[in-house]
């Protein structure tokens, strides 16, 4: 019953972070890093990962979406508390 309420409020779900090798990139530089997947309280299916490239102008404090960079299609189950990394390059 407790897990049912966690699922209802999306608590205990898997977390996915994109970790980049550098904090800033210049136009034309290769962007690399990895997706870090961390399982939650229960196992979950992962069908795909998506990432968008956004240019940030610090002087004007604005963001501009450049393009959808990466879509990784997959069919895997992320077990509870499982941690895995998937490399990323653009």
PDB file of N, CA and C in Angstrom:
ATOM      1  N   UNK A   1       0.820  -1.187   0.000  1.00  0.00           N
ATOM      2  CA  UNK A   1       0.000   0.000   0.000  1.00  0.00           C
ATOM      3  C   UNK A   1       0.873   1.264   0.000  1.00  0.00           C
ATOM      4  N   UNK A   2       1.940   1.252   0.806  1.00  0.00           N
ATOM      5  CA  UNK A   2       2.845   2.395   0.882  1.00  0.00           C
ATOM      6  C   UNK A   2       3.477   2.676  -0.477  1.00  0.00           C
ATOM      7  N   UNK A   3       3.930   1.611  -1.177  1.00  0.00           N
ATOM      8  CA  UNK A   3       4.530   1.771  -2.507  1.00  0.00           C
ATOM      9  C   UNK A   3       3.533   2.342  -3.504  1.00  0.00           C
ATOM     10  N   UNK A   4       2.263   1.998  -3.355  1.00  0.00           N
ATOM     11  CA  UNK A   4       1.228   2.514  -4.245  1.00  0.00           C
ATOM     12  C   UNK A   4       1.142   4.037  -4.132  1.00  0.00           C
ATOM     13  N   UNK A   5       1.226   4.573  -2.914  1.00  0.00           N
ATOM     14  CA  UNK A   5       1.193   6.025  -2.714  1.00  0.00           C
ATOM     15  C   UNK A   5       2.472   6.692  -3.212  1.00  0.00           C
ATOM     16  N   UNK A   6       3.609   6.029  -3.030  1.00  0.00           N
ATOM     17  CA  UNK A   6       4.863   6.567  -3.569  1.00  0.00           C
ATOM     18  C   UNK A   6       4.769   6.698  -5.084  1.00  0.00           C
ATOM     19  N   UNK A   7       4.242   5.669  -5.735  1.00  0.00           N
ATOM     20  CA  UNK A   7       4.084   5.693  -7.193  1.00  0.00           C
ATOM     21  C   UNK A   7       3.115   6.781  -7.624  1.00  0.00           C
ATOM     22  N   UNK A   8       2.055   6.967  -6.884  1.00  0.00           N
ATOM     23  CA  UNK A   8       1.042   7.956  -7.217  1.00  0.00           C
ATOM     24  C   UNK A   8       1.635   9.364  -7.242  1.00  0.00           C
ATOM     25  N   UNK A   9       2.506   9.664  -6.298  1.00  0.00           N
ATOM     26  CA  UNK A   9       3.112  10.993  -6.205  1.00  0.00           C
ATOM     27  C   UNK A   9       4.496  11.059  -6.839  1.00  0.00           C
ATOM     28  N   UNK A  10       4.868  10.007  -7.573  1.00  0.00           N
ATOM     29  CA  UNK A  10       6.171   9.940  -8.263  1.00  0.00           C
ATOM     30  C   UNK A  10       7.344  10.028  -7.292  1.00  0.00           C
ATOM     31  N   UNK A  11       7.150   9.613  -6.073  1.00  0.00           N
ATOM     32  CA  UNK A  11       8.229   9.585  -5.094  1.00  0.00           C
ATOM     33  C   UNK A  11       8.943   8.244  -5.197  1.00  0.00           C
ATOM     34  N   UNK A  12      10.230   8.255  -5.037  1.00  0.00           N
ATOM     35  CA  UNK A  12      10.990   7.017  -5.103  1.00  0.00           C
ATOM     36  C   UNK A  12      11.227   6.538  -6.515  1.00  0.00           C
ATOM     37  N   UNK A  13      10.971   7.388  -7.506  1.00  0.00           N
ATOM     38  CA  UNK A  13      11.193   7.021  -8.904  1.00  0.00           C
ATOM     39  C   UNK A  13      12.676   7.109  -9.233  1.00  0.00           C
ATOM     40  N   UNK A  14      13.042   6.530 -10.354  1.00  0.00           N
ATOM     41  CA  UNK A  14      14.426   6.583 -10.818  1.00  0.00           C
ATOM     42  C   UNK A  14      14.825   8.022 -11.126  1.00  0.00           C
ATOM     43  N   UNK A  15      16.105   8.322 -10.959  1.00  0.00           N
ATOM     44  CA  UNK A  15      16.664   9.633 -11.301  1.00  0.00           C
ATOM     45  C   UNK A  15      17.639   9.467 -12.451  1.00  0.00           C
ATOM     46  N   UNK A  16      17.593  10.390 -13.390  1.00  0.00           N
ATOM     47  CA  UNK A  16      18.517  10.369 -14.519  1.00  0.00           C
ATOM     48  C   UNK A  16      19.140  11.752 -14.641  1.00  0.00           C
ATOM     49  N   UNK A  17      20.459  11.796 -14.602  1.00  0.00           N
ATOM     50  CA  UNK A  17      21.201  13.049 -14.732  1.00  0.00           C
ATOM     51  C   UNK A  17      22.142  12.947 -15.917  1.00  0.00           C
ATOM     52  N   UNK A  18      22.354  14.056 -16.604  1.00  0.00           N
ATOM     53  CA  UNK A  18      23.378  14.133 -17.645  1.00  0.00           C
ATOM     54  C   UNK A  18      24.574  14.832 -17.020  1.00  0.00           C
ATOM     55  N   UNK A  19      25.681  14.124 -16.915  1.00  0.00           N
ATOM     56  CA  UNK A  19      26.907  14.654 -16.326  1.00  0.00           C
ATOM     57  C   UNK A  19      27.873  14.947 -17.468  1.00  0.00           C
ATOM     58  N   UNK A  20      28.252  16.219 -17.624  1.00  0.00           N
ATOM     59  CA  UNK A  20      29.156  16.618 -18.701  1.00  0.00           C
ATOM     60  C   UNK A  20      30.590  16.655 -18.197  1.00  0.00           C
ATOM     61  N   UNK A  21      31.542  16.418 -19.109  1.00  0.00           N
ATOM     62  CA  UNK A  21      32.958  16.413 -18.754  1.00  0.00           C
ATOM     63  C   UNK A  21      33.489  17.817 -18.466  1.00  0.00           C
ATOM     64  N   UNK A  22      32.831  18.854 -18.965  1.00  0.00           N
ATOM     65  CA  UNK A  22      33.249  20.241 -18.729  1.00  0.00           C
ATOM     66  C   UNK A  22      32.024  21.078 -18.367  1.00  0.00           C
ATOM     67  N   UNK A  23      32.253  22.183 -17.665  1.00  0.00           N
ATOM     68  CA  UNK A  23      31.154  23.064 -17.260  1.00  0.00           C
ATOM     69  C   UNK A  23      30.702  23.964 -18.397  1.00  0.00           C
ATOM     70  N   UNK A  24      31.621  24.314 -19.306  1.00  0.00           N
ATOM     71  CA  UNK A  24      31.297  25.189 -20.434  1.00  0.00           C
ATOM     72  C   UNK A  24      31.946  24.646 -21.699  1.00  0.00           C
ATOM     73  N   UNK A  25      31.283  24.902 -22.819  1.00  0.00           N
ATOM     74  CA  UNK A  25      31.809  24.510 -24.126  1.00  0.00           C
ATOM     75  C   UNK A  25      31.722  25.700 -25.072  1.00  0.00           C
ATOM     76  N   UNK A  26      32.676  25.796 -25.968  1.00  0.00           N
ATOM     77  CA  UNK A  26      32.659  26.824 -27.005  1.00  0.00           C
ATOM     78  C   UNK A  26      31.991  26.265 -28.250  1.00  0.00           C
ATOM     79  N   UNK A  27      31.441  27.122 -29.118  1.00  0.00           N
ATOM     80  CA  UNK A  27      30.836  26.628 -30.357  1.00  0.00           C
ATOM     81  C   UNK A  27      31.841  25.781 -31.145  1.00  0.00           C
ATOM     82  N   UNK A  28      31.390  24.621 -31.596  1.00  0.00           N
ATOM     83  CA  UNK A  28      32.234  23.722 -32.375  1.00  0.00           C
ATOM     84  C   UNK A  28      32.954  22.671 -31.550  1.00  0.00           C
ATOM     85  N   UNK A  29      32.999  22.835 -30.232  1.00  0.00           N
ATOM     86  CA  UNK A  29      33.660  21.844 -29.384  1.00  0.00           C
ATOM     87  C   UNK A  29      32.800  20.597 -29.247  1.00  0.00           C
ATOM     88  N   UNK A  30      33.465  19.456 -29.052  1.00  0.00           N
ATOM     89  CA  UNK A  30      32.766  18.194 -28.833  1.00  0.00           C
ATOM     90  C   UNK A  30      32.261  18.157 -27.384  1.00  0.00           C
ATOM     91  N   UNK A  31      30.983  17.884 -27.230  1.00  0.00           N
ATOM     92  CA  UNK A  31      30.364  17.788 -25.911  1.00  0.00           C
ATOM     93  C   UNK A  31      30.332  16.313 -25.525  1.00  0.00           C
ATOM     94  N   UNK A  32      30.855  15.994 -24.342  1.00  0.00           N
ATOM     95  CA  UNK A  32      30.880  14.594 -23.920  1.00  0.00           C
ATOM     96  C   UNK A  32      30.572  14.482 -22.434  1.00  0.00           C
ATOM     97  N   UNK A  33      30.156  13.309 -22.052  1.00  0.00           N
ATOM     98  CA  UNK A  33      29.818  13.029 -20.665  1.00  0.00           C
ATOM     99  C   UNK A  33      29.096  11.700 -20.594  1.00  0.00           C
ATOM    100  N   UNK A  34      28.169  11.580 -19.659  1.00  0.00           N
ATOM    101  CA  UNK A  34      27.405  10.342 -19.530  1.00  0.00           C
ATOM    102  C   UNK A  34      26.064  10.614 -18.843  1.00  0.00           C
ATOM    103  N   UNK A  35      25.099   9.754 -19.160  1.00  0.00           N
ATOM    104  CA  UNK A  35      23.827   9.739 -18.448  1.00  0.00           C
ATOM    105  C   UNK A  35      24.040   8.869 -17.213  1.00  0.00           C
ATOM    106  N   UNK A  36      23.683   9.372 -16.048  1.00  0.00           N
ATOM    107  CA  UNK A  36      23.781   8.596 -14.818  1.00  0.00           C
ATOM    108  C   UNK A  36      22.375   8.193 -14.407  1.00  0.00           C
ATOM    109  N   UNK A  37      22.101   6.902 -14.426  1.00  0.00           N
ATOM    110  CA  UNK A  37      20.795   6.380 -14.050  1.00  0.00           C
ATOM    111  C   UNK A  37      20.887   5.793 -12.653  1.00  0.00           C
ATOM    112  N   UNK A  38      19.998   6.232 -11.773  1.00  0.00           N
ATOM    113  CA  UNK A  38      19.965   5.743 -10.399  1.00  0.00           C
ATOM    114  C   UNK A  38      18.562   5.246 -10.104  1.00  0.00           C
ATOM    115  N   UNK A  39      18.454   3.949  -9.824  1.00  0.00           N
ATOM    116  CA  UNK A  39      17.160   3.346  -9.542  1.00  0.00           C
ATOM    117  C   UNK A  39      16.543   3.886  -8.264  1.00  0.00           C
ATOM    118  N   UNK A  40      15.236   3.868  -8.216  1.00  0.00           N
ATOM    119  CA  UNK A  40      14.500   4.350  -7.047  1.00  0.00           C
ATOM    120  C   UNK A  40      14.168   3.216  -6.092  1.00  0.00           C
ATOM    121  N   UNK A  41      12.975   3.280  -5.504  1.00  0.00           N
ATOM    122  CA  UNK A  41      12.547   2.271  -4.537  1.00  0.00           C
ATOM    123  C   UNK A  41      12.029   1.005  -5.201  1.00  0.00           C
ATOM    124  N   UNK A  42      11.724   1.083  -6.480  1.00  0.00           N
ATOM    125  CA  UNK A  42      11.182  -0.078  -7.198  1.00  0.00           C
ATOM    126  C   UNK A  42      11.814  -0.147  -8.579  1.00  0.00           C
ATOM    127  N   UNK A  43      11.699  -1.295  -9.219  1.00  0.00           N
ATOM    128  CA  UNK A  43      12.253  -1.401 -10.570  1.00  0.00           C
ATOM    129  C   UNK A  43      11.328  -0.683 -11.553  1.00  0.00           C
ATOM    130  N   UNK A  44      11.935  -0.095 -12.586  1.00  0.00           N
ATOM    131  CA  UNK A  44      11.181   0.649 -13.590  1.00  0.00           C
ATOM    132  C   UNK A  44      11.726   0.340 -14.971  1.00  0.00           C
ATOM    133  N   UNK A  45      10.851   0.407 -15.960  1.00  0.00           N
ATOM    134  CA  UNK A  45      11.269   0.236 -17.349  1.00  0.00           C
ATOM    135  C   UNK A  45      11.759   1.572 -17.897  1.00  0.00           C
ATOM    136  N   UNK A  46      12.848   1.524 -18.650  1.00  0.00           N
ATOM    137  CA  UNK A  46      13.379   2.706 -19.331  1.00  0.00           C
ATOM    138  C   UNK A  46      13.289   2.423 -20.822  1.00  0.00           C
ATOM    139  N   UNK A  47      12.535   3.247 -21.545  1.00  0.00           N
ATOM    140  CA  UNK A  47      12.351   3.044 -22.982  1.00  0.00           C
ATOM    141  C   UNK A  47      13.283   3.905 -23.810  1.00  0.00           C
ATOM    142  N   UNK A  48      13.588   5.114 -23.320  1.00  0.00           N
ATOM    143  CA  UNK A  48      14.487   5.992 -24.070  1.00  0.00           C
ATOM    144  C   UNK A  48      15.015   7.102 -23.173  1.00  0.00           C
ATOM    145  N   UNK A  49      16.145   7.660 -23.593  1.00  0.00           N
ATOM    146  CA  UNK A  49      16.732   8.838 -22.960  1.00  0.00           C
ATOM    147  C   UNK A  49      16.797   9.922 -24.015  1.00  0.00           C
ATOM    148  N   UNK A  50      16.457  11.145 -23.664  1.00  0.00           N
ATOM    149  CA  UNK A  50      16.526  12.265 -24.603  1.00  0.00           C
ATOM    150  C   UNK A  50      17.274  13.423 -23.964  1.00  0.00           C
ATOM    151  N   UNK A  51      17.973  14.169 -24.812  1.00  0.00           N
ATOM    152  CA  UNK A  51      18.755  15.308 -24.351  1.00  0.00           C
ATOM    153  C   UNK A  51      18.659  16.409 -25.398  1.00  0.00           C
ATOM    154  N   UNK A  52      18.456  17.647 -24.969  1.00  0.00           N
ATOM    155  CA  UNK A  52      18.395  18.798 -25.873  1.00  0.00           C
ATOM    156  C   UNK A  52      19.620  19.680 -25.671  1.00  0.00           C
ATOM    157  N   UNK A  53      20.095  20.275 -26.761  1.00  0.00           N
ATOM    158  CA  UNK A  53      21.205  21.218 -26.697  1.00  0.00           C
ATOM    159  C   UNK A  53      20.636  22.625 -26.573  1.00  0.00           C
ATOM    160  N   UNK A  54      21.036  23.333 -25.512  1.00  0.00           N
ATOM    161  CA  UNK A  54      20.534  24.679 -25.246  1.00  0.00           C
ATOM    162  C   UNK A  54      21.717  25.627 -25.114  1.00  0.00           C
ATOM    163  N   UNK A  55      21.681  26.726 -25.865  1.00  0.00           N
ATOM    164  CA  UNK A  55      22.723  27.755 -25.772  1.00  0.00           C
ATOM    165  C   UNK A  55      22.300  28.766 -24.720  1.00  0.00           C
ATOM    166  N   UNK A  56      23.211  29.083 -23.819  1.00  0.00           N
ATOM    167  CA  UNK A  56      22.921  30.038 -22.751  1.00  0.00           C
ATOM    168  C   UNK A  56      23.788  31.276 -22.948  1.00  0.00           C
ATOM    169  N   UNK A  57      23.130  32.424 -22.994  1.00  0.00           N
ATOM    170  CA  UNK A  57      23.828  33.699 -23.117  1.00  0.00           C
ATOM    171  C   UNK A  57      23.867  34.340 -21.735  1.00  0.00           C
ATOM    172  N   UNK A  58      25.048  34.357 -21.128  1.00  0.00           N
ATOM    173  CA  UNK A  58      25.168  34.877 -19.760  1.00  0.00           C
ATOM    174  C   UNK A  58      24.938  36.380 -19.678  1.00  0.00           C
ATOM    175  N   UNK A  59      25.277  37.108 -20.738  1.00  0.00           N
ATOM    176  CA  UNK A  59      25.131  38.565 -20.718  1.00  0.00           C
ATOM    177  C   UNK A  59      23.665  38.989 -20.801  1.00  0.00           C
ATOM    178  N   UNK A  60      22.888  38.289 -21.615  1.00  0.00           N
ATOM    179  CA  UNK A  60      21.469  38.625 -21.760  1.00  0.00           C
ATOM    180  C   UNK A  60      20.586  37.771 -20.862  1.00  0.00           C
ATOM    181  N   UNK A  61      21.183  36.816 -20.185  1.00  0.00           N
ATOM    182  CA  UNK A  61      20.462  35.887 -19.317  1.00  0.00           C
ATOM    183  C   UNK A  61      19.304  35.229 -20.062  1.00  0.00           C
ATOM    184  N   UNK A  62      19.624  34.684 -21.232  1.00  0.00           N
ATOM    185  CA  UNK A  62      18.599  34.012 -22.030  1.00  0.00           C
ATOM    186  C   UNK A  62      19.106  32.642 -22.466  1.00  0.00           C
ATOM    187  N   UNK A  63      18.170  31.770 -22.768  1.00  0.00           N
ATOM    188  CA  UNK A  63      18.462  30.429 -23.265  1.00  0.00           C
ATOM    189  C   UNK A  63      17.807  30.253 -24.619  1.00  0.00           C
ATOM    190  N   UNK A  64      18.464  29.504 -25.493  1.00  0.00           N
ATOM    191  CA  UNK A  64      17.901  29.221 -26.806  1.00  0.00           C
ATOM    192  C   UNK A  64      18.114  27.748 -27.112  1.00  0.00           C
ATOM    193  N   UNK A  65      17.010  27.038 -27.399  1.00  0.00           N
ATOM    194  CA  UNK A  65      17.136  25.632 -27.759  1.00  0.00           C
ATOM    195  C   UNK A  65      17.727  25.537 -29.156  1.00  0.00           C
ATOM    196  N   UNK A  66      18.794  24.774 -29.282  1.00  0.00           N
ATOM    197  CA  UNK A  66      19.468  24.613 -30.563  1.00  0.00           C
ATOM    198  C   UNK A  66      18.890  23.423 -31.318  1.00  0.00           C
ATOM    199  N   UNK A  67      18.867  22.264 -30.686  1.00  0.00           N
ATOM    200  CA  UNK A  67      18.308  21.072 -31.319  1.00  0.00           C
ATOM    201  C   UNK A  67      18.205  19.939 -30.316  1.00  0.00           C
ATOM    202  N   UNK A  68      17.403  18.925 -30.682  1.00  0.00           N
ATOM    203  CA  UNK A  68      17.389  17.693 -29.910  1.00  0.00           C
ATOM    204  C   UNK A  68      18.653  16.952 -30.285  1.00  0.00           C
ATOM    205  N   UNK A  69      19.532  16.798 -29.331  1.00  0.00           N
ATOM    206  CA  UNK A  69      20.856  16.257 -29.600  1.00  0.00           C
ATOM    207  C   UNK A  69      20.854  14.751 -29.683  1.00  0.00           C
ATOM    208  N   UNK A  70      20.278  14.123 -28.720  1.00  0.00           N
ATOM    209  CA  UNK A  70      20.455  12.695 -28.600  1.00  0.00           C
ATOM    210  C   UNK A  70      19.174  12.049 -28.130  1.00  0.00           C
ATOM    211  N   UNK A  71      18.788  10.992 -28.813  1.00  0.00           N
ATOM    212  CA  UNK A  71      17.728  10.117 -28.346  1.00  0.00           C
ATOM    213  C   UNK A  71      18.296   8.712 -28.352  1.00  0.00           C
ATOM    214  N   UNK A  72      18.354   8.104 -27.194  1.00  0.00           N
ATOM    215  CA  UNK A  72      18.853   6.740 -27.076  1.00  0.00           C
ATOM    216  C   UNK A  72      17.658   5.853 -26.805  1.00  0.00           C
ATOM    217  N   UNK A  73      17.327   5.007 -27.779  1.00  0.00           N
ATOM    218  CA  UNK A  73      16.223   4.071 -27.608  1.00  0.00           C
ATOM    219  C   UNK A  73      16.750   2.830 -26.905  1.00  0.00           C
ATOM    220  N   UNK A  74      15.988   2.342 -25.961  1.00  0.00           N
ATOM    221  CA  UNK A  74      16.401   1.150 -25.230  1.00  0.00           C
ATOM    222  C   UNK A  74      15.173   0.473 -24.663  1.00  0.00           C
ATOM    223  N   UNK A  75      15.363  -0.726 -24.256  1.00  0.00           N
ATOM    224  CA  UNK A  75      14.311  -1.455 -23.571  1.00  0.00           C
ATOM    225  C   UNK A  75      14.987  -2.221 -22.443  1.00  0.00           C
ATOM    226  N   UNK A  76      15.055  -1.582 -21.306  1.00  0.00           N
ATOM    227  CA  UNK A  76      15.708  -2.228 -20.174  1.00  0.00           C
ATOM    228  C   UNK A  76      14.958  -1.907 -18.900  1.00  0.00           C
ATOM    229  N   UNK A  77      15.195  -2.716 -17.910  1.00  0.00           N
ATOM    230  CA  UNK A  77      14.599  -2.504 -16.603  1.00  0.00           C
ATOM    231  C   UNK A  77      15.691  -2.051 -15.652  1.00  0.00           C
ATOM    232  N   UNK A  78      15.451  -0.950 -14.994  1.00  0.00           N
ATOM    233  CA  UNK A  78      16.368  -0.427 -13.990  1.00  0.00           C
ATOM    234  C   UNK A  78      15.864  -0.922 -12.638  1.00  0.00           C
ATOM    235  N   UNK A  79      16.651  -1.779 -12.009  1.00  0.00           N
ATOM    236  CA  UNK A  79      16.246  -2.359 -10.729  1.00  0.00           C
ATOM    237  C   UNK A  79      16.306  -1.324  -9.612  1.00  0.00           C
ATOM    238  N   UNK A  80      15.632  -1.613  -8.526  1.00  0.00           N
ATOM    239  CA  UNK A  80      15.648  -0.725  -7.364  1.00  0.00           C
ATOM    240  C   UNK A  80      17.081  -0.515  -6.898  1.00  0.00           C
ATOM    241  N   UNK A  81      17.445   0.739  -6.685  1.00  0.00           N
ATOM    242  CA  UNK A  81      18.765   1.148  -6.184  1.00  0.00           C
ATOM    243  C   UNK A  81      19.920   0.838  -7.136  1.00  0.00           C
ATOM    244  N   UNK A  82      19.633   0.356  -8.339  1.00  0.00           N
ATOM    245  CA  UNK A  82      20.690   0.083  -9.322  1.00  0.00           C
ATOM    246  C   UNK A  82      21.267   1.403  -9.840  1.00  0.00           C
ATOM    247  N   UNK A  83      22.560   1.421 -10.097  1.00  0.00           N
ATOM    248  CA  UNK A  83      23.222   2.597 -10.642  1.00  0.00           C
ATOM    249  C   UNK A  83      24.000   2.185 -11.886  1.00  0.00           C
ATOM    250  N   UNK A  84      23.833   2.947 -12.966  1.00  0.00           N
ATOM    251  CA  UNK A  84      24.547   2.645 -14.202  1.00  0.00           C
ATOM    252  C   UNK A  84      24.831   3.938 -14.951  1.00  0.00           C
ATOM    253  N   UNK A  85      25.806   3.885 -15.850  1.00  0.00           N
ATOM    254  CA  UNK A  85      26.180   5.052 -16.641  1.00  0.00           C
ATOM    255  C   UNK A  85      26.167   4.692 -18.120  1.00  0.00           C
ATOM    256  N   UNK A  86      25.676   5.624 -18.951  1.00  0.00           N
ATOM    257  CA  UNK A  86      25.635   5.439 -20.401  1.00  0.00           C
ATOM    258  C   UNK A  86      26.378   6.613 -21.028  1.00  0.00           C
ATOM    259  N   UNK A  87      27.471   6.352 -21.777  1.00  0.00           N
ATOM    260  CA  UNK A  87      28.275   7.426 -22.367  1.00  0.00           C
ATOM    261  C   UNK A  87      27.469   8.294 -23.329  1.00  0.00           C
ATOM    262  N   UNK A  88      27.882   9.573 -23.436  1.00  0.00           N
ATOM    263  CA  UNK A  88      27.201  10.554 -24.270  1.00  0.00           C
ATOM    264  C   UNK A  88      28.256  11.380 -25.003  1.00  0.00           C
ATOM    265  N   UNK A  89      28.091  11.542 -26.311  1.00  0.00           N
ATOM    266  CA  UNK A  89      28.966  12.398 -27.125  1.00  0.00           C
ATOM    267  C   UNK A  89      28.122  13.134 -28.143  1.00  0.00           C
ATOM    268  N   UNK A  90      28.488  14.394 -28.408  1.00  0.00           N
ATOM    269  CA  UNK A  90      27.823  15.159 -29.458  1.00  0.00           C
ATOM    270  C   UNK A  90      28.853  16.018 -30.143  1.00  0.00           C
TER     271      UNK A  90
END
